[in-house]
Protein backbone atom coordinates (compact mmCIF):
# COMPACT_ATOMS: atom_id res chain seq x y z
CA MET A 1 -41.84 108.50 75.57
CA LEU A 2 -41.09 105.16 74.03
CA GLY A 3 -42.04 101.95 75.46
CA ILE A 4 -41.18 98.25 74.54
CA ASP A 5 -42.72 95.11 75.67
CA LEU A 6 -41.81 91.68 75.00
CA CYS A 7 -44.51 88.56 75.76
CA SER A 8 -44.15 84.95 75.54
CA ILE A 9 -47.17 83.55 72.97
CA GLU A 10 -46.66 80.23 75.20
CA ARG A 11 -47.70 81.76 78.49
CA VAL A 12 -50.50 83.57 76.63
CA GLU A 13 -51.71 80.46 75.38
CA GLY A 14 -51.61 78.87 79.21
CA ILE A 15 -53.46 81.46 80.62
CA LEU A 16 -56.16 81.20 77.57
CA ASN A 17 -56.41 77.99 77.79
CA ARG A 18 -57.19 78.08 81.87
CA HIS A 19 -59.14 81.27 82.17
CA GLY A 20 -60.32 81.90 78.74
CA ASP A 21 -63.00 84.69 78.45
CA ARG A 22 -62.21 85.83 81.87
CA PHE A 23 -59.11 86.98 81.04
CA LEU A 24 -59.85 88.65 77.62
CA ASN A 25 -62.50 90.21 79.60
CA ARG A 26 -60.18 91.78 82.45
CA VAL A 27 -57.49 92.64 79.94
CA PHE A 28 -59.29 94.16 76.89
CA THR A 29 -61.97 96.39 76.11
CA LYS A 30 -65.15 95.49 73.96
CA GLU A 31 -63.61 96.56 70.62
CA GLU A 32 -60.61 94.99 71.38
CA ARG A 33 -62.29 91.85 72.42
CA ASP A 34 -64.45 91.78 68.97
CA TYR A 35 -61.02 91.95 67.13
CA VAL A 36 -59.52 89.31 69.38
CA LYS A 37 -62.66 87.17 68.13
CA LYS A 38 -62.15 87.79 64.11
CA LYS A 39 -58.74 86.59 64.97
CA LYS A 40 -60.00 83.40 66.52
CA LYS A 41 -58.76 84.22 70.10
CA ARG A 42 -54.99 83.22 68.37
CA PRO A 43 -52.76 82.82 70.79
CA GLU A 44 -49.84 85.29 68.92
CA THR A 45 -52.75 87.68 68.49
CA VAL A 46 -54.05 88.17 72.45
CA ALA A 47 -49.91 88.29 73.15
CA GLY A 48 -49.36 91.06 70.62
CA LEU A 49 -52.11 93.13 71.92
CA TYR A 50 -50.88 92.45 75.43
CA ALA A 51 -47.32 93.50 74.58
CA ALA A 52 -48.63 96.65 73.25
CA LYS A 53 -50.66 97.79 76.30
CA GLU A 54 -47.68 96.99 78.52
CA ALA A 55 -45.70 99.03 75.96
CA MET A 56 -48.11 101.79 76.05
CA ALA A 57 -48.36 101.93 80.31
CA LYS A 58 -44.05 102.00 79.69
CA ALA A 59 -44.34 104.76 77.37
CA LEU A 60 -46.49 106.55 79.96
CA GLY A 61 -44.00 106.33 82.19
CA THR A 62 -46.10 104.59 85.03
CA GLY A 63 -46.12 100.40 84.39
CA ILE A 64 -49.24 99.03 84.56
CA GLY A 65 -50.58 99.67 88.19
CA PRO A 66 -51.39 103.14 88.03
CA VAL A 67 -52.81 102.90 84.90
CA THR A 68 -55.08 99.49 83.99
CA PHE A 69 -55.17 97.45 81.06
CA GLN A 70 -58.96 98.72 80.66
CA ASP A 71 -57.63 102.22 80.79
CA LEU A 72 -55.25 101.65 77.33
CA GLU A 73 -56.99 101.14 73.96
CA ILE A 74 -55.97 99.70 70.86
CA PHE A 75 -57.40 100.13 67.18
CA HIS A 76 -57.03 99.15 64.09
CA LYS A 77 -57.16 101.92 61.22
CA PRO A 78 -55.87 99.26 59.71
CA TYR A 79 -52.70 99.69 61.60
CA PRO A 80 -52.43 99.84 65.30
CA GLU A 81 -52.80 102.85 67.26
CA GLY A 82 -53.31 103.25 71.12
CA GLN A 83 -55.04 105.83 73.14
CA TYR A 84 -55.41 107.06 76.81
CA LYS A 85 -57.06 109.91 78.11
CA GLY A 86 -56.44 112.30 74.72
CA LYS A 87 -53.28 110.87 74.35
CA THR A 88 -52.73 108.48 70.84
CA PHE A 89 -49.78 106.46 70.49
CA ALA A 90 -47.96 104.74 67.63
CA LEU A 91 -47.41 101.02 68.10
CA THR A 92 -45.47 98.14 66.15
CA ILE A 93 -46.59 94.58 66.87
CA SER A 94 -44.56 91.82 65.48
CA HIS A 95 -44.28 88.22 66.49
CA GLU A 96 -40.58 85.96 65.99
CA GLU A 97 -41.15 82.47 67.19
CA ASP A 98 -42.28 82.08 70.54
CA TYR A 99 -42.61 85.83 71.42
CA ALA A 100 -44.88 89.03 70.58
CA LEU A 101 -42.77 92.47 70.80
CA ALA A 102 -44.36 95.75 70.75
CA LEU A 103 -43.43 99.04 71.16
CA ALA A 104 -45.48 102.27 71.55
CA VAL A 105 -44.49 106.15 71.14
CA VAL A 106 -46.68 108.90 72.51
CA LYS A 107 -47.67 111.07 69.36
CA GLY A 108 -46.89 114.61 69.14
CA GLU A 109 -44.35 114.82 71.84
CA GLU A 110 -41.02 115.24 71.94
CA LYS A 111 -38.47 112.55 71.38
CA ILE A 112 -36.44 111.58 74.67
CA PHE A 113 -33.51 109.38 74.03
CA SER A 114 -32.42 107.50 77.24
CA PRO A 115 -29.46 105.74 75.99
CA PRO A 116 -27.62 103.20 78.90
CA ARG A 117 -25.66 104.85 80.99
CA GLU A 118 -23.00 102.82 79.65
CA PHE A 119 -22.50 104.42 76.50
CA LEU A 120 -21.60 107.91 78.78
CA GLY A 121 -18.48 109.87 77.78
CA PHE A 122 -18.03 106.57 74.93
CA LEU A 123 -17.12 108.93 72.02
CA LYS A 124 -14.13 111.06 72.85
CA PRO A 125 -13.96 114.57 71.00
CA ARG A 126 -11.07 115.31 68.34
CA PRO A 127 -8.28 116.53 69.37
CA LEU A 128 -7.38 119.78 67.64
CA ASP A 129 -4.23 117.86 66.10
CA SER A 130 -6.03 115.22 64.43
CA HIS A 131 -5.73 113.91 61.01
CA LYS A 132 -7.62 111.11 59.05
CA GLY A 133 -5.01 108.34 60.01
CA SER A 134 -5.62 109.09 63.70
CA VAL A 135 -9.75 109.14 64.62
CA GLY A 136 -10.11 105.58 63.22
CA LYS A 137 -8.76 103.39 60.57
CA ILE A 138 -10.88 100.28 58.91
CA GLY A 139 -10.10 98.08 56.40
CA LEU A 140 -13.15 97.25 53.98
CA ILE A 141 -13.39 93.67 52.52
CA ALA A 142 -17.13 93.35 50.73
CA GLY A 143 -18.77 93.41 47.53
CA LYS A 144 -17.75 91.52 44.22
CA LYS A 145 -19.42 91.65 40.87
CA GLY A 146 -23.07 92.81 40.84
CA MET A 147 -22.91 92.89 44.92
CA CYS A 148 -21.13 96.63 45.06
CA GLY A 149 -24.10 98.11 46.99
CA ALA A 150 -22.63 95.55 50.53
CA PHE A 151 -19.19 97.71 50.03
CA GLN A 152 -21.22 101.46 49.54
CA PHE A 153 -23.24 100.78 52.32
CA ALA A 154 -20.80 99.44 54.62
CA GLY A 155 -17.95 101.85 53.54
CA LEU A 156 -20.57 104.54 53.60
CA ALA A 157 -21.67 103.98 57.16
CA ALA A 158 -18.20 103.69 58.68
CA LEU A 159 -17.19 106.95 57.33
CA ARG A 160 -20.63 108.66 58.26
CA THR A 161 -19.81 107.08 62.27
CA GLY A 162 -16.14 108.70 62.01
CA ALA A 163 -13.71 106.82 60.27
CA GLY A 164 -10.91 108.71 59.07
CA LEU A 165 -9.83 106.38 56.73
CA VAL A 166 -11.17 103.23 55.11
CA PHE A 167 -8.75 101.02 52.79
CA ALA A 168 -11.46 98.97 50.56
CA TYR A 169 -10.16 95.68 49.15
CA ALA A 170 -11.85 95.26 45.46
CA PRO A 171 -11.61 92.74 43.06
CA ARG A 172 -8.76 93.46 40.68
CA GLU A 173 -11.56 93.44 37.12
CA GLU A 174 -13.96 95.84 39.43
CA ARG A 175 -11.67 98.29 41.48
CA ASN A 176 -12.26 100.94 39.18
CA PHE A 177 -16.13 100.78 39.35
CA PHE A 178 -15.72 100.31 43.50
CA SER A 179 -13.86 103.56 43.32
CA LEU A 180 -16.60 105.17 41.65
CA ALA A 181 -19.22 103.82 43.98
CA LEU A 182 -17.33 104.94 47.18
CA PRO A 183 -14.62 107.82 46.00
CA GLU A 184 -13.73 108.29 49.71
CA ALA A 185 -12.19 105.27 50.29
CA VAL A 186 -8.53 104.37 49.08
CA VAL A 187 -9.42 101.48 47.18
CA LYS A 188 -6.93 98.69 46.66
CA ILE A 189 -6.77 95.27 45.18
CA ARG A 190 -8.10 92.22 46.70
CA GLU A 191 -6.27 89.50 45.02
CA GLU A 192 -2.89 91.26 46.36
CA GLY A 193 -4.03 90.34 50.08
CA VAL A 194 -4.82 92.20 53.39
CA LYS A 195 -1.91 90.49 55.88
CA LYS A 196 0.64 93.20 54.37
CA ASP A 197 -1.52 96.18 55.42
CA LEU A 198 -2.77 94.79 58.89
CA ASP A 199 -0.35 98.00 60.13
CA LEU A 200 -2.36 100.39 58.00
CA VAL A 201 -5.65 99.65 60.00
CA ASP A 202 -7.62 99.59 63.44
CA SER A 203 -10.12 97.18 62.56
CA LEU A 204 -11.37 94.79 59.58
CA LEU A 205 -15.15 94.51 58.18
CA ILE A 206 -15.60 91.14 56.52
CA GLY A 207 -18.13 89.44 54.20
CA PRO A 208 -20.27 91.59 53.11
CA GLY A 209 -21.54 90.52 49.73
CA VAL A 210 -17.94 89.38 48.53
CA GLY A 211 -19.37 85.45 48.12
CA VAL A 212 -18.63 82.38 49.98
CA GLU A 213 -15.82 81.09 47.78
CA ASP A 214 -13.75 84.26 47.79
CA PRO A 215 -10.01 83.09 48.99
CA ILE A 216 -10.21 86.29 51.14
CA LEU A 217 -12.02 84.89 53.53
CA PRO A 218 -10.00 82.03 55.00
CA GLU A 219 -7.16 84.35 54.52
CA THR A 220 -8.77 87.02 57.03
CA VAL A 221 -11.81 85.75 59.11
CA GLY A 222 -8.73 84.57 61.85
CA LEU A 223 -6.38 86.90 62.09
CA GLU A 224 -5.60 88.81 65.41
CA ILE A 225 -7.20 92.15 64.98
CA LYS A 226 -10.44 93.67 65.71
CA ARG A 227 -12.84 92.30 63.24
CA VAL A 228 -16.31 92.78 62.00
CA LEU A 229 -17.49 89.15 60.25
CA ASP A 230 -20.42 89.84 58.59
CA ALA A 231 -22.63 88.01 56.21
CA ASP A 232 -20.64 85.68 53.51
CA ALA A 233 -18.02 85.67 56.26
CA LEU A 234 -20.48 83.71 58.89
CA THR A 235 -21.79 81.72 55.88
CA TYR A 236 -18.22 80.55 55.35
CA LEU A 237 -17.38 79.99 58.80
CA SER A 238 -20.80 77.74 59.17
CA GLY A 239 -19.21 75.21 56.56
CA LEU A 240 -16.10 74.37 58.57
CA GLU A 241 -15.66 71.45 60.88
CA SER A 242 -13.40 73.57 62.60
CA LEU A 243 -13.45 77.23 63.58
CA PRO A 244 -10.36 79.13 63.67
CA ASN A 245 -9.62 81.30 66.35
CA LEU A 246 -12.47 84.17 66.74
CA GLU A 247 -11.17 86.24 69.62
CA GLY A 248 -11.55 89.90 69.38
CA ALA A 249 -14.33 89.30 66.40
CA VAL A 250 -17.61 90.48 66.29
CA LEU A 251 -19.86 88.01 64.78
CA THR A 252 -23.64 89.81 63.22
CA PRO A 253 -25.63 87.10 61.79
CA HIS A 254 -29.05 87.62 61.49
CA GLU A 255 -31.41 84.54 62.92
CA GLY A 256 -31.24 82.57 59.74
CA GLU A 257 -27.18 82.82 59.95
CA ALA A 258 -27.10 82.02 63.56
CA ARG A 259 -29.23 79.05 62.84
CA ARG A 260 -26.97 78.07 60.01
CA LEU A 261 -23.70 78.48 62.01
CA PHE A 262 -25.27 76.68 65.31
CA HIS A 263 -26.27 73.95 62.86
CA ALA A 264 -29.75 73.78 64.55
CA PRO A 265 -32.35 74.66 61.60
CA LYS A 266 -35.42 74.71 64.13
CA THR A 267 -34.21 76.76 66.74
CA SER A 268 -36.27 79.75 68.46
CA ARG A 269 -35.20 82.61 68.93
CA LYS A 270 -34.58 82.56 72.66
CA GLU A 271 -33.03 79.18 72.16
CA LEU A 272 -30.34 81.17 69.88
CA MET A 273 -29.76 83.56 72.38
CA LYS A 274 -28.57 80.65 74.82
CA LYS A 275 -26.26 79.30 72.00
CA ALA A 276 -25.08 82.71 71.26
CA LYS A 277 -23.87 83.44 75.08
CA ASP A 278 -22.30 80.15 75.40
CA PHE A 279 -20.23 80.70 72.12
CA ALA A 280 -19.47 84.17 72.90
CA ARG A 281 -18.40 82.90 76.23
CA GLY A 282 -16.30 79.74 74.84
CA ARG A 283 -14.64 81.60 71.68
CA ALA A 284 -13.49 85.04 73.89
CA CYS A 285 -15.80 87.14 70.94
CA ILE A 286 -19.04 88.95 70.90
CA PHE A 287 -21.93 87.90 69.21
CA VAL A 288 -24.62 90.21 67.66
CA LEU A 289 -27.88 88.31 67.19
CA LYS A 290 -29.94 90.87 64.92
CA GLY A 291 -33.51 91.15 64.50
CA PRO A 292 -36.43 93.24 66.82
CA GLY A 293 -34.87 94.17 70.27
CA THR A 294 -31.09 92.93 68.64
CA TYR A 295 -29.42 90.68 70.79
CA VAL A 296 -25.79 91.46 71.97
CA THR A 297 -23.40 89.22 74.50
CA ASP A 298 -19.90 88.77 75.29
CA GLY A 299 -20.59 85.45 77.01
CA THR A 300 -21.31 87.23 80.19
CA ARG A 301 -22.94 90.72 79.67
CA ASP A 302 -26.11 90.67 77.73
CA TYR A 303 -28.11 93.81 76.24
CA ILE A 304 -30.81 93.82 74.50
CA ASN A 305 -31.56 97.28 72.28
CA ASP A 306 -34.71 99.33 71.92
CA THR A 307 -34.12 101.08 68.59
CA GLY A 308 -34.77 100.36 65.41
CA ASN A 309 -37.72 99.68 63.44
CA PRO A 310 -39.51 97.47 60.95
CA ASN A 311 -39.48 100.41 58.17
CA MET A 312 -35.25 99.01 58.74
CA ALA A 313 -36.57 95.59 57.20
CA VAL A 314 -34.87 95.76 53.77
CA GLY A 315 -31.72 94.57 52.13
CA GLY A 316 -28.18 96.62 52.68
CA MET A 317 -29.65 97.32 56.37
CA GLY A 318 -27.16 94.69 57.91
CA ASP A 319 -24.11 96.41 55.81
CA ALA A 320 -24.77 99.67 57.03
CA LEU A 321 -24.68 98.54 60.84
CA ALA A 322 -21.68 96.67 60.11
CA GLY A 323 -19.93 99.78 58.90
CA VAL A 324 -20.78 101.23 61.67
CA LEU A 325 -19.55 98.29 63.92
CA ALA A 326 -16.30 98.40 62.27
CA TYR A 327 -15.72 102.09 63.48
CA SER A 328 -16.98 101.64 67.10
CA LEU A 329 -14.38 98.76 67.60
CA THR A 330 -11.75 101.68 66.70
CA GLN A 331 -12.69 103.08 69.40
CA THR A 332 -12.65 101.13 72.51
CA GLU A 333 -10.77 98.19 73.73
CA ASP A 334 -14.16 96.77 75.58
CA LEU A 335 -15.51 95.10 72.71
CA PHE A 336 -18.69 94.24 73.67
CA LEU A 337 -19.30 98.32 74.94
CA GLY A 338 -18.36 98.96 71.40
CA ALA A 339 -21.02 96.40 69.90
CA CYS A 340 -23.43 97.82 72.06
CA PHE A 341 -22.85 101.03 71.38
CA ALA A 342 -23.03 100.57 67.20
CA VAL A 343 -26.68 98.60 67.74
CA TYR A 344 -28.02 101.61 69.79
CA LEU A 345 -26.85 104.14 67.17
CA HIS A 346 -27.88 102.23 63.85
CA GLY A 347 -31.14 101.93 65.71
CA LEU A 348 -31.41 105.70 66.79
CA ALA A 349 -30.65 106.60 63.13
CA GLY A 350 -33.41 104.27 61.62
CA ASP A 351 -35.65 105.65 64.29
CA LEU A 352 -35.14 109.40 63.07
CA ALA A 353 -35.32 108.24 59.39
CA ALA A 354 -38.28 106.87 60.12
CA GLU A 355 -40.12 109.55 62.01
CA ASP A 356 -38.65 111.98 59.07
CA LEU A 357 -39.57 110.03 56.17
CA GLY A 358 -41.99 107.08 56.93
CA PRO A 359 -42.26 103.62 55.63
CA GLY A 360 -40.26 102.71 52.76
CA LEU A 361 -36.52 103.41 54.38
CA LEU A 362 -33.55 102.49 52.22
CA PRO A 363 -29.85 101.86 54.13
CA ARG A 364 -28.66 105.08 52.25
CA ASP A 365 -31.65 107.43 54.65
CA VAL A 366 -30.59 105.37 57.73
CA ILE A 367 -26.91 106.22 57.12
CA ALA A 368 -27.59 109.69 55.95
CA TRP A 369 -29.26 110.22 59.59
CA ILE A 370 -26.03 109.23 61.63
CA PRO A 371 -24.61 111.89 61.84
CA LYS A 372 -27.55 113.26 63.21
CA ALA A 373 -28.10 110.75 66.03
CA LEU A 374 -24.37 111.05 67.01
CA LYS A 375 -25.48 114.85 67.23
CA ILE A 376 -28.18 114.39 69.64
CA LEU A 377 -26.50 111.86 71.54
CA LYS A 378 -23.86 114.84 71.90
CA LYS A 379 -26.27 117.35 73.05
CA GLU A 380 -27.77 114.32 76.11
CA ASN A 381 -24.01 114.48 77.03
CA PHE A 382 -23.52 110.93 75.54
CA LEU A 383 -20.27 111.73 73.49
CA PHE A 384 -17.99 113.99 75.54
């Protein structure tokens, strides 16, 4: 099973200041205390190990209580690994601003997938008379000269998730090259505009690799259609004095992009989450704050994702997520649910790819695992 825990570094620092070695002796074994001392008792180190023990207990299905902190032990070989009564845990510990995040998976056990119950039946079976125009049509505005990868990953991810048609708007001089990069797409000329084709598509994906100066951005970011605004579309928005209509849009910034959008360069992730919720509520849009434990909000509902892994921290992975999102929006009128499902599915495909391939994942590896992730979800009755 999988366990995940988030721990406030500031809270741990306060406990260390008040209780010092008494706290360390209660929570950690001698070997762990020696490791902490070697790291000069830094609060972020202690918070990471504390979160890892909580995650291990959750992976056991018990939580701390029936299993004590001292029952669980963490070793560094040199990467963190946990042990409990003959069970071994694969551990991932990371730090982001004010928090330590830990994930624990019991090694040697069949992986158990427990998607949120809200996803049950999200994707419907295709009728026997389905055709390419009836199962999800996406307009893809991505890429420029030297940035064909963003176009390719986003389009391929949308197709692997289930899109029947991808209409790709490429720069005129790059049209033939883009056609070769993604032969499954219907490639159109970007300079001829998109508005005239809105009746051809169910959703738009705008931004990956297009460049912030491309005139297609002011033409499309405010269109009244389901749309994903990613990468350069977000940078474009952050430079505007007045934002356009964002109703029906899904914004997908990582933390740096969110800080630019909010003009808040030193804001912590926790504060970014608050700002994201207010932003989504005020503009009737969906905000997807990417990172460990990706946060999705519509201003009222919140979702923190527990799939995905550090091996996915590579260029192009966000483009793949954007493609999955663009397809998910075609399957529902509840854009919040569609965004949550896409984030979960993308992370699950990444977990499966990492389990198969180990570190060094590429976006194309994760995209290749999307159909297998969907197959698992079907088996778990979350598709039909």
